[in-house]
Amino acid sequence: MLVLLIKLAIGALAGFVATYLMGSKKKPIWVYMILGIVGAFVGHFLAGIIGLSARGIAGFAVSVAGSCLVIWLANKYLK
């Protein structure tokens, strides 16, 4: 249970960082934090598919990359 809470917090932080990297400020920050949580799971899923196991700082970078992808898709298709 604690691991899940930590992953959710890291995903929210990744969404916060990705919001500023993408220059997206059209929606409230909590929307981007939720997209960041989803993006963190997507990023780690895609990294696992290509055979990467990211931990620590690399894991956070994968979370931010996944968050950027999900935020980009949300901005493109959910207007």
PDB file of N, CA and C in Angstrom:
ATOM      1  N   MET A   1       0.817  -1.190   0.000  1.00  0.00           N
ATOM      2  CA  MET A   1       0.000   0.000   0.000  1.00  0.00           C
ATOM      3  C   MET A   1       0.865   1.260   0.000  1.00  0.00           C
ATOM      4  N   LEU A   2       1.928   1.247   0.779  1.00  0.00           N
ATOM      5  CA  LEU A   2       2.828   2.392   0.837  1.00  0.00           C
ATOM      6  C   LEU A   2       3.512   2.610  -0.510  1.00  0.00           C
ATOM      7  N   VAL A   3       3.863   1.534  -1.183  1.00  0.00           N
ATOM      8  CA  VAL A   3       4.517   1.645  -2.492  1.00  0.00           C
ATOM      9  C   VAL A   3       3.580   2.319  -3.486  1.00  0.00           C
ATOM     10  N   LEU A   4       2.302   1.973  -3.440  1.00  0.00           N
ATOM     11  CA  LEU A   4       1.327   2.592  -4.339  1.00  0.00           C
ATOM     12  C   LEU A   4       1.198   4.087  -4.057  1.00  0.00           C
ATOM     13  N   LEU A   5       1.175   4.468  -2.797  1.00  0.00           N
ATOM     14  CA  LEU A   5       1.091   5.885  -2.450  1.00  0.00           C
ATOM     15  C   LEU A   5       2.328   6.653  -2.911  1.00  0.00           C
ATOM     16  N   ILE A   6       3.478   6.026  -2.793  1.00  0.00           N
ATOM     17  CA  ILE A   6       4.721   6.665  -3.257  1.00  0.00           C
ATOM     18  C   ILE A   6       4.688   6.829  -4.768  1.00  0.00           C
ATOM     19  N   LYS A   7       4.221   5.801  -5.482  1.00  0.00           N
ATOM     20  CA  LYS A   7       4.126   5.895  -6.941  1.00  0.00           C
ATOM     21  C   LYS A   7       3.136   6.974  -7.368  1.00  0.00           C
ATOM     22  N   LEU A   8       2.038   7.105  -6.641  1.00  0.00           N
ATOM     23  CA  LEU A   8       1.073   8.153  -6.956  1.00  0.00           C
ATOM     24  C   LEU A   8       1.680   9.539  -6.726  1.00  0.00           C
ATOM     25  N   ALA A   9       2.424   9.694  -5.652  1.00  0.00           N
ATOM     26  CA  ALA A   9       3.068  10.980  -5.368  1.00  0.00           C
ATOM     27  C   ALA A   9       4.123  11.311  -6.420  1.00  0.00           C
ATOM     28  N   ILE A  10       4.898  10.333  -6.824  1.00  0.00           N
ATOM     29  CA  ILE A  10       5.913  10.551  -7.859  1.00  0.00           C
ATOM     30  C   ILE A  10       5.246  10.880  -9.190  1.00  0.00           C
ATOM     31  N   GLY A  11       4.148  10.201  -9.498  1.00  0.00           N
ATOM     32  CA  GLY A  11       3.410  10.493 -10.722  1.00  0.00           C
ATOM     33  C   GLY A  11       2.840  11.897 -10.724  1.00  0.00           C
ATOM     34  N   ALA A  12       2.321  12.339  -9.573  1.00  0.00           N
ATOM     35  CA  ALA A  12       1.796  13.705  -9.468  1.00  0.00           C
ATOM     36  C   ALA A  12       2.914  14.727  -9.641  1.00  0.00           C
ATOM     37  N   LEU A  13       4.070  14.462  -9.049  1.00  0.00           N
ATOM     38  CA  LEU A  13       5.214  15.351  -9.213  1.00  0.00           C
ATOM     39  C   LEU A  13       5.692  15.354 -10.669  1.00  0.00           C
ATOM     40  N   ALA A  14       5.690  14.201 -11.302  1.00  0.00           N
ATOM     41  CA  ALA A  14       6.077  14.114 -12.716  1.00  0.00           C
ATOM     42  C   ALA A  14       5.101  14.911 -13.578  1.00  0.00           C
ATOM     43  N   GLY A  15       3.822  14.856 -13.264  1.00  0.00           N
ATOM     44  CA  GLY A  15       2.838  15.648 -13.997  1.00  0.00           C
ATOM     45  C   GLY A  15       3.054  17.133 -13.807  1.00  0.00           C
ATOM     46  N   PHE A  16       3.421  17.528 -12.601  1.00  0.00           N
ATOM     47  CA  PHE A  16       3.717  18.925 -12.310  1.00  0.00           C
ATOM     48  C   PHE A  16       4.911  19.399 -13.134  1.00  0.00           C
ATOM     49  N   VAL A  17       5.972  18.588 -13.172  1.00  0.00           N
ATOM     50  CA  VAL A  17       7.171  18.935 -13.950  1.00  0.00           C
ATOM     51  C   VAL A  17       6.850  18.939 -15.443  1.00  0.00           C
ATOM     52  N   ALA A  18       6.115  17.934 -15.909  1.00  0.00           N
ATOM     53  CA  ALA A  18       5.785  17.830 -17.332  1.00  0.00           C
ATOM     54  C   ALA A  18       4.940  19.004 -17.798  1.00  0.00           C
ATOM     55  N   THR A  19       4.099  19.527 -16.918  1.00  0.00           N
ATOM     56  CA  THR A  19       3.274  20.685 -17.267  1.00  0.00           C
ATOM     57  C   THR A  19       4.148  21.861 -17.667  1.00  0.00           C
ATOM     58  N   TYR A  20       5.204  22.088 -16.921  1.00  0.00           N
ATOM     59  CA  TYR A  20       6.094  23.203 -17.227  1.00  0.00           C
ATOM     60  C   TYR A  20       7.005  22.899 -18.403  1.00  0.00           C
ATOM     61  N   LEU A  21       7.396  21.648 -18.576  1.00  0.00           N
ATOM     62  CA  LEU A  21       8.209  21.287 -19.735  1.00  0.00           C
ATOM     63  C   LEU A  21       7.416  21.432 -21.032  1.00  0.00           C
ATOM     64  N   MET A  22       6.135  21.107 -20.982  1.00  0.00           N
ATOM     65  CA  MET A  22       5.283  21.186 -22.167  1.00  0.00           C
ATOM     66  C   MET A  22       4.736  22.600 -22.390  1.00  0.00           C
ATOM     67  N   GLY A  23       4.852  23.465 -21.411  1.00  0.00           N
ATOM     68  CA  GLY A  23       4.319  24.815 -21.537  1.00  0.00           C
ATOM     69  C   GLY A  23       2.797  24.832 -21.523  1.00  0.00           C
ATOM     70  N   SER A  24       2.191  23.857 -20.892  1.00  0.00           N
ATOM     71  CA  SER A  24       0.731  23.732 -20.856  1.00  0.00           C
ATOM     72  C   SER A  24       0.200  24.329 -19.565  1.00  0.00           C
ATOM     73  N   LYS A  25      -0.632  25.334 -19.708  1.00  0.00           N
ATOM     74  CA  LYS A  25      -1.257  25.925 -18.526  1.00  0.00           C
ATOM     75  C   LYS A  25      -2.705  26.284 -18.842  1.00  0.00           C
ATOM     76  N   LYS A  26      -3.335  25.472 -19.694  1.00  0.00           N
ATOM     77  CA  LYS A  26      -4.705  25.749 -20.101  1.00  0.00           C
ATOM     78  C   LYS A  26      -5.718  25.242 -19.090  1.00  0.00           C
ATOM     79  N   LYS A  27      -5.343  24.236 -18.328  1.00  0.00           N
ATOM     80  CA  LYS A  27      -6.237  23.610 -17.358  1.00  0.00           C
ATOM     81  C   LYS A  27      -5.661  23.805 -15.956  1.00  0.00           C
ATOM     82  N   PRO A  28      -6.460  23.561 -14.923  1.00  0.00           N
ATOM     83  CA  PRO A  28      -5.926  23.653 -13.550  1.00  0.00           C
ATOM     84  C   PRO A  28      -4.801  22.629 -13.323  1.00  0.00           C
ATOM     85  N   ILE A  29      -3.906  22.943 -12.419  1.00  0.00           N
ATOM     86  CA  ILE A  29      -2.728  22.099 -12.183  1.00  0.00           C
ATOM     87  C   ILE A  29      -3.116  20.703 -11.715  1.00  0.00           C
ATOM     88  N   TRP A  30      -4.224  20.552 -10.981  1.00  0.00           N
ATOM     89  CA  TRP A  30      -4.602  19.217 -10.499  1.00  0.00           C
ATOM     90  C   TRP A  30      -4.952  18.298 -11.661  1.00  0.00           C
ATOM     91  N   VAL A  31      -5.456  18.854 -12.772  1.00  0.00           N
ATOM     92  CA  VAL A  31      -5.748  18.029 -13.952  1.00  0.00           C
ATOM     93  C   VAL A  31      -4.448  17.464 -14.495  1.00  0.00           C
ATOM     94  N   TYR A  32      -3.427  18.306 -14.569  1.00  0.00           N
ATOM     95  CA  TYR A  32      -2.136  17.847 -15.078  1.00  0.00           C
ATOM     96  C   TYR A  32      -1.465  16.874 -14.117  1.00  0.00           C
ATOM     97  N   MET A  33      -1.720  17.025 -12.835  1.00  0.00           N
ATOM     98  CA  MET A  33      -1.151  16.074 -11.874  1.00  0.00           C
ATOM     99  C   MET A  33      -1.804  14.699 -12.034  1.00  0.00           C
ATOM    100  N   ILE A  34      -3.108  14.666 -12.290  1.00  0.00           N
ATOM    101  CA  ILE A  34      -3.772  13.384 -12.546  1.00  0.00           C
ATOM    102  C   ILE A  34      -3.273  12.787 -13.852  1.00  0.00           C
ATOM    103  N   LEU A  35      -3.122  13.622 -14.881  1.00  0.00           N
ATOM    104  CA  LEU A  35      -2.556  13.135 -16.138  1.00  0.00           C
ATOM    105  C   LEU A  35      -1.117  12.654 -15.926  1.00  0.00           C
ATOM    106  N   GLY A  36      -0.403  13.283 -15.018  1.00  0.00           N
ATOM    107  CA  GLY A  36       0.957  12.852 -14.696  1.00  0.00           C
ATOM    108  C   GLY A  36       0.981  11.486 -14.046  1.00  0.00           C
ATOM    109  N   ILE A  37       0.030  11.208 -13.173  1.00  0.00           N
ATOM    110  CA  ILE A  37      -0.048   9.883 -12.545  1.00  0.00           C
ATOM    111  C   ILE A  37      -0.307   8.827 -13.604  1.00  0.00           C
ATOM    112  N   VAL A  38      -1.258   9.113 -14.499  1.00  0.00           N
ATOM    113  CA  VAL A  38      -1.534   8.177 -15.602  1.00  0.00           C
ATOM    114  C   VAL A  38      -0.293   8.049 -16.490  1.00  0.00           C
ATOM    115  N   GLY A  39       0.338   9.180 -16.775  1.00  0.00           N
ATOM    116  CA  GLY A  39       1.531   9.186 -17.623  1.00  0.00           C
ATOM    117  C   GLY A  39       2.693   8.418 -17.025  1.00  0.00           C
ATOM    118  N   ALA A  40       2.828   8.460 -15.717  1.00  0.00           N
ATOM    119  CA  ALA A  40       3.903   7.711 -15.063  1.00  0.00           C
ATOM    120  C   ALA A  40       3.711   6.216 -15.276  1.00  0.00           C
ATOM    121  N   PHE A  41       2.480   5.752 -15.122  1.00  0.00           N
ATOM    122  CA  PHE A  41       2.215   4.329 -15.366  1.00  0.00           C
ATOM    123  C   PHE A  41       2.405   3.977 -16.836  1.00  0.00           C
ATOM    124  N   VAL A  42       1.973   4.866 -17.732  1.00  0.00           N
ATOM    125  CA  VAL A  42       2.157   4.627 -19.169  1.00  0.00           C
ATOM    126  C   VAL A  42       3.639   4.591 -19.515  1.00  0.00           C
ATOM    127  N   GLY A  43       4.398   5.534 -18.979  1.00  0.00           N
ATOM    128  CA  GLY A  43       5.835   5.578 -19.255  1.00  0.00           C
ATOM    129  C   GLY A  43       6.551   4.324 -18.804  1.00  0.00           C
ATOM    130  N   HIS A  44       6.240   3.841 -17.619  1.00  0.00           N
ATOM    131  CA  HIS A  44       6.887   2.631 -17.118  1.00  0.00           C
ATOM    132  C   HIS A  44       6.415   1.399 -17.877  1.00  0.00           C
ATOM    133  N   PHE A  45       5.159   1.401 -18.307  1.00  0.00           N
ATOM    134  CA  PHE A  45       4.657   0.293 -19.116  1.00  0.00           C
ATOM    135  C   PHE A  45       5.399   0.237 -20.450  1.00  0.00           C
ATOM    136  N   LEU A  46       5.525   1.397 -21.114  1.00  0.00           N
ATOM    137  CA  LEU A  46       6.223   1.432 -22.398  1.00  0.00           C
ATOM    138  C   LEU A  46       7.709   1.115 -22.246  1.00  0.00           C
ATOM    139  N   ALA A  47       8.312   1.573 -21.165  1.00  0.00           N
ATOM    140  CA  ALA A  47       9.720   1.246 -20.915  1.00  0.00           C
ATOM    141  C   ALA A  47       9.888  -0.258 -20.711  1.00  0.00           C
ATOM    142  N   GLY A  48       8.944  -0.872 -20.025  1.00  0.00           N
ATOM    143  CA  GLY A  48       8.993  -2.318 -19.818  1.00  0.00           C
ATOM    144  C   GLY A  48       8.836  -3.084 -21.117  1.00  0.00           C
ATOM    145  N   ILE A  49       8.022  -2.575 -22.022  1.00  0.00           N
ATOM    146  CA  ILE A  49       7.832  -3.236 -23.314  1.00  0.00           C
ATOM    147  C   ILE A  49       9.131  -3.267 -24.105  1.00  0.00           C
ATOM    148  N   ILE A  50       9.892  -2.172 -24.053  1.00  0.00           N
ATOM    149  CA  ILE A  50      11.138  -2.155 -24.815  1.00  0.00           C
ATOM    150  C   ILE A  50      12.316  -2.705 -24.016  1.00  0.00           C
ATOM    151  N   GLY A  51      12.051  -3.187 -22.812  1.00  0.00           N
ATOM    152  CA  GLY A  51      13.079  -3.883 -22.050  1.00  0.00           C
ATOM    153  C   GLY A  51      13.860  -3.037 -21.071  1.00  0.00           C
ATOM    154  N   LEU A  52      13.375  -1.853 -20.741  1.00  0.00           N
ATOM    155  CA  LEU A  52      14.069  -0.993 -19.782  1.00  0.00           C
ATOM    156  C   LEU A  52      13.448  -1.145 -18.402  1.00  0.00           C
ATOM    157  N   SER A  53      14.295  -1.189 -17.403  1.00  0.00           N
ATOM    158  CA  SER A  53      13.833  -1.207 -16.025  1.00  0.00           C
ATOM    159  C   SER A  53      14.438   0.012 -15.333  1.00  0.00           C
ATOM    160  N   ALA A  54      13.644   1.052 -15.196  1.00  0.00           N
ATOM    161  CA  ALA A  54      14.150   2.315 -14.680  1.00  0.00           C
ATOM    162  C   ALA A  54      13.835   2.451 -13.195  1.00  0.00           C
ATOM    163  N   ARG A  55      14.850   2.779 -12.426  1.00  0.00           N
ATOM    164  CA  ARG A  55      14.711   3.002 -10.988  1.00  0.00           C
ATOM    165  C   ARG A  55      15.379   4.329 -10.635  1.00  0.00           C
ATOM    166  N   GLY A  56      14.984   4.909  -9.541  1.00  0.00           N
ATOM    167  CA  GLY A  56      15.619   6.141  -9.059  1.00  0.00           C
ATOM    168  C   GLY A  56      15.357   7.313  -9.979  1.00  0.00           C
ATOM    169  N   ILE A  57      16.424   8.054 -10.290  1.00  0.00           N
ATOM    170  CA  ILE A  57      16.310   9.237 -11.144  1.00  0.00           C
ATOM    171  C   ILE A  57      15.858   8.848 -12.543  1.00  0.00           C
ATOM    172  N   ALA A  58      16.347   7.733 -13.048  1.00  0.00           N
ATOM    173  CA  ALA A  58      15.928   7.271 -14.377  1.00  0.00           C
ATOM    174  C   ALA A  58      14.433   6.935 -14.372  1.00  0.00           C
ATOM    175  N   GLY A  59      13.951   6.369 -13.290  1.00  0.00           N
ATOM    176  CA  GLY A  59      12.523   6.078 -13.167  1.00  0.00           C
ATOM    177  C   GLY A  59      11.685   7.348 -13.167  1.00  0.00           C
ATOM    178  N   PHE A  60      12.196   8.390 -12.509  1.00  0.00           N
ATOM    179  CA  PHE A  60      11.493   9.667 -12.517  1.00  0.00           C
ATOM    180  C   PHE A  60      11.498  10.268 -13.920  1.00  0.00           C
ATOM    181  N   ALA A  61      12.616  10.125 -14.635  1.00  0.00           N
ATOM    182  CA  ALA A  61      12.694  10.629 -16.011  1.00  0.00           C
ATOM    183  C   ALA A  61      11.694   9.894 -16.909  1.00  0.00           C
ATOM    184  N   VAL A  62      11.554   8.599 -16.724  1.00  0.00           N
ATOM    185  CA  VAL A  62      10.571   7.824 -17.486  1.00  0.00           C
ATOM    186  C   VAL A  62       9.167   8.296 -17.130  1.00  0.00           C
ATOM    187  N   SER A  63       8.920   8.581 -15.871  1.00  0.00           N
ATOM    188  CA  SER A  63       7.609   9.083 -15.440  1.00  0.00           C
ATOM    189  C   SER A  63       7.303  10.435 -16.074  1.00  0.00           C
ATOM    190  N   VAL A  64       8.291  11.314 -16.118  1.00  0.00           N
ATOM    191  CA  VAL A  64       8.099  12.625 -16.730  1.00  0.00           C
ATOM    192  C   VAL A  64       7.859  12.475 -18.236  1.00  0.00           C
ATOM    193  N   ALA A  65       8.602  11.592 -18.889  1.00  0.00           N
ATOM    194  CA  ALA A  65       8.414  11.372 -20.328  1.00  0.00           C
ATOM    195  C   ALA A  65       7.017  10.824 -20.609  1.00  0.00           C
ATOM    196  N   GLY A  66       6.571   9.873 -19.822  1.00  0.00           N
ATOM    197  CA  GLY A  66       5.223   9.344 -19.984  1.00  0.00           C
ATOM    198  C   GLY A  66       4.171  10.408 -19.715  1.00  0.00           C
ATOM    199  N   SER A  67       4.420  11.256 -18.730  1.00  0.00           N
ATOM    200  CA  SER A  67       3.495  12.345 -18.422  1.00  0.00           C
ATOM    201  C   SER A  67       3.431  13.350 -19.565  1.00  0.00           C
ATOM    202  N   CYS A  68       4.572  13.658 -20.155  1.00  0.00           N
ATOM    203  CA  CYS A  68       4.596  14.562 -21.308  1.00  0.00           C
ATOM    204  C   CYS A  68       3.774  13.972 -22.455  1.00  0.00           C
ATOM    205  N   LEU A  69       3.916  12.676 -22.679  1.00  0.00           N
ATOM    206  CA  LEU A  69       3.159  12.008 -23.743  1.00  0.00           C
ATOM    207  C   LEU A  69       1.660  12.097 -23.478  1.00  0.00           C
ATOM    208  N   VAL A  70       1.245  11.790 -22.267  1.00  0.00           N
ATOM    209  CA  VAL A  70      -0.185  11.807 -21.936  1.00  0.00           C
ATOM    210  C   VAL A  70      -0.728  13.239 -21.973  1.00  0.00           C
ATOM    211  N   ILE A  71       0.027  14.211 -21.491  1.00  0.00           N
ATOM    212  CA  ILE A  71      -0.418  15.607 -21.535  1.00  0.00           C
ATOM    213  C   ILE A  71      -0.528  16.076 -22.982  1.00  0.00           C
ATOM    214  N   TRP A  72       0.424  15.713 -23.805  1.00  0.00           N
ATOM    215  CA  TRP A  72       0.372  16.079 -25.223  1.00  0.00           C
ATOM    216  C   TRP A  72      -0.869  15.483 -25.881  1.00  0.00           C
ATOM    217  N   LEU A  73      -1.135  14.194 -25.613  1.00  0.00           N
ATOM    218  CA  LEU A  73      -2.322  13.553 -26.188  1.00  0.00           C
ATOM    219  C   LEU A  73      -3.606  14.202 -25.670  1.00  0.00           C
ATOM    220  N   ALA A  74      -3.638  14.524 -24.391  1.00  0.00           N
ATOM    221  CA  ALA A  74      -4.828  15.167 -23.817  1.00  0.00           C
ATOM    222  C   ALA A  74      -5.054  16.553 -24.426  1.00  0.00           C
ATOM    223  N   ASN A  75      -3.983  17.322 -24.602  1.00  0.00           N
ATOM    224  CA  ASN A  75      -4.128  18.647 -25.201  1.00  0.00           C
ATOM    225  C   ASN A  75      -4.538  18.562 -26.661  1.00  0.00           C
ATOM    226  N   LYS A  76      -4.091  17.521 -27.339  1.00  0.00           N
ATOM    227  CA  LYS A  76      -4.399  17.363 -28.754  1.00  0.00           C
ATOM    228  C   LYS A  76      -5.837  16.891 -28.980  1.00  0.00           C
ATOM    229  N   TYR A  77      -6.297  15.947 -28.183  1.00  0.00           N
ATOM    230  CA  TYR A  77      -7.584  15.314 -28.460  1.00  0.00           C
ATOM    231  C   TYR A  77      -8.715  15.730 -27.516  1.00  0.00           C
ATOM    232  N   LEU A  78      -8.422  16.285 -26.377  1.00  0.00           N
ATOM    233  CA  LEU A  78      -9.458  16.674 -25.416  1.00  0.00           C
ATOM    234  C   LEU A  78      -9.508  18.186 -25.251  1.00  0.00           C
ATOM    235  N   LYS A  79     -10.056  18.861 -26.204  1.00  0.00           N
ATOM    236  CA  LYS A  79     -10.106  20.335 -26.143  1.00  0.00           C
ATOM    237  C   LYS A  79     -11.382  20.803 -25.568  1.00  0.00           C
TER     238      LYS A  79
END
